[in-house]
Amino acid sequence: GGRDLPEEFTFKTFSDWIRHALEEELERSWEIEMNGTGVPEAYAPAAG
């Protein structure tokens, strides 16, 4: 037997709650380390 949960307590609600708690705990940073070189000349037209 399972527990009755409120209808508004969906898996998405649970997932969002867990994600929020983890991001606060881990203070995730979305920075990417770059090589400092940039786009080579040969690729410049493709890079826009």
Protein backbone atom coordinates (compact mmCIF):
# COMPACT_ATOMS: atom_id res chain seq x y z
CA GLY A 1 0.00 0.00 0.00
CA GLY A 2 1.09 3.50 -0.79
CA ARG A 3 0.41 6.79 0.85
CA ASP A 4 -2.16 9.21 -0.46
CA LEU A 5 -0.39 12.31 -1.73
CA PRO A 6 -2.05 15.59 -2.67
CA GLU A 7 -2.81 15.70 -6.40
CA GLU A 8 -0.59 18.76 -6.86
CA PHE A 9 2.42 16.76 -5.57
CA THR A 10 3.57 15.44 -8.95
CA PHE A 11 6.88 13.90 -9.91
CA LYS A 12 7.82 17.22 -11.55
CA THR A 13 7.13 19.06 -8.29
CA PHE A 14 9.29 16.53 -6.42
CA SER A 15 12.09 16.77 -9.03
CA ASP A 16 12.07 20.58 -8.95
CA TRP A 17 12.23 20.54 -5.15
CA ILE A 18 15.19 18.14 -5.14
CA ARG A 19 17.01 20.13 -7.87
CA HIS A 20 16.51 23.39 -5.96
CA ALA A 21 17.79 21.85 -2.71
CA LEU A 22 20.88 20.39 -4.43
CA GLU A 23 21.73 23.61 -6.25
CA GLU A 24 21.53 25.55 -3.00
CA GLU A 25 23.63 22.96 -1.18
CA LEU A 26 26.27 22.61 -3.89
CA GLU A 27 26.14 26.22 -5.12
CA ARG A 28 26.51 24.97 -8.67
CA SER A 29 28.33 27.28 -11.04
CA TRP A 30 27.63 27.02 -14.75
CA GLU A 31 30.96 28.45 -15.90
CA ILE A 32 33.01 26.70 -18.56
CA GLU A 33 36.79 26.96 -18.59
CA MET A 34 38.02 28.31 -21.92
CA ASN A 35 41.43 27.93 -23.56
CA GLY A 36 41.79 31.68 -24.17
CA THR A 37 42.58 31.16 -27.87
CA GLY A 38 39.24 31.88 -29.44
CA VAL A 39 38.06 30.65 -32.84
CA PRO A 40 40.90 29.86 -35.31
CA GLU A 41 40.89 31.95 -38.54
CA ALA A 42 39.93 28.91 -40.64
CA TYR A 43 36.71 28.47 -38.62
CA ALA A 44 35.76 32.15 -38.33
CA PRO A 45 33.18 32.11 -41.20
CA ALA A 46 31.41 29.07 -39.67
CA ALA A 47 31.36 30.66 -36.21
CA GLY A 48 29.22 33.50 -37.51
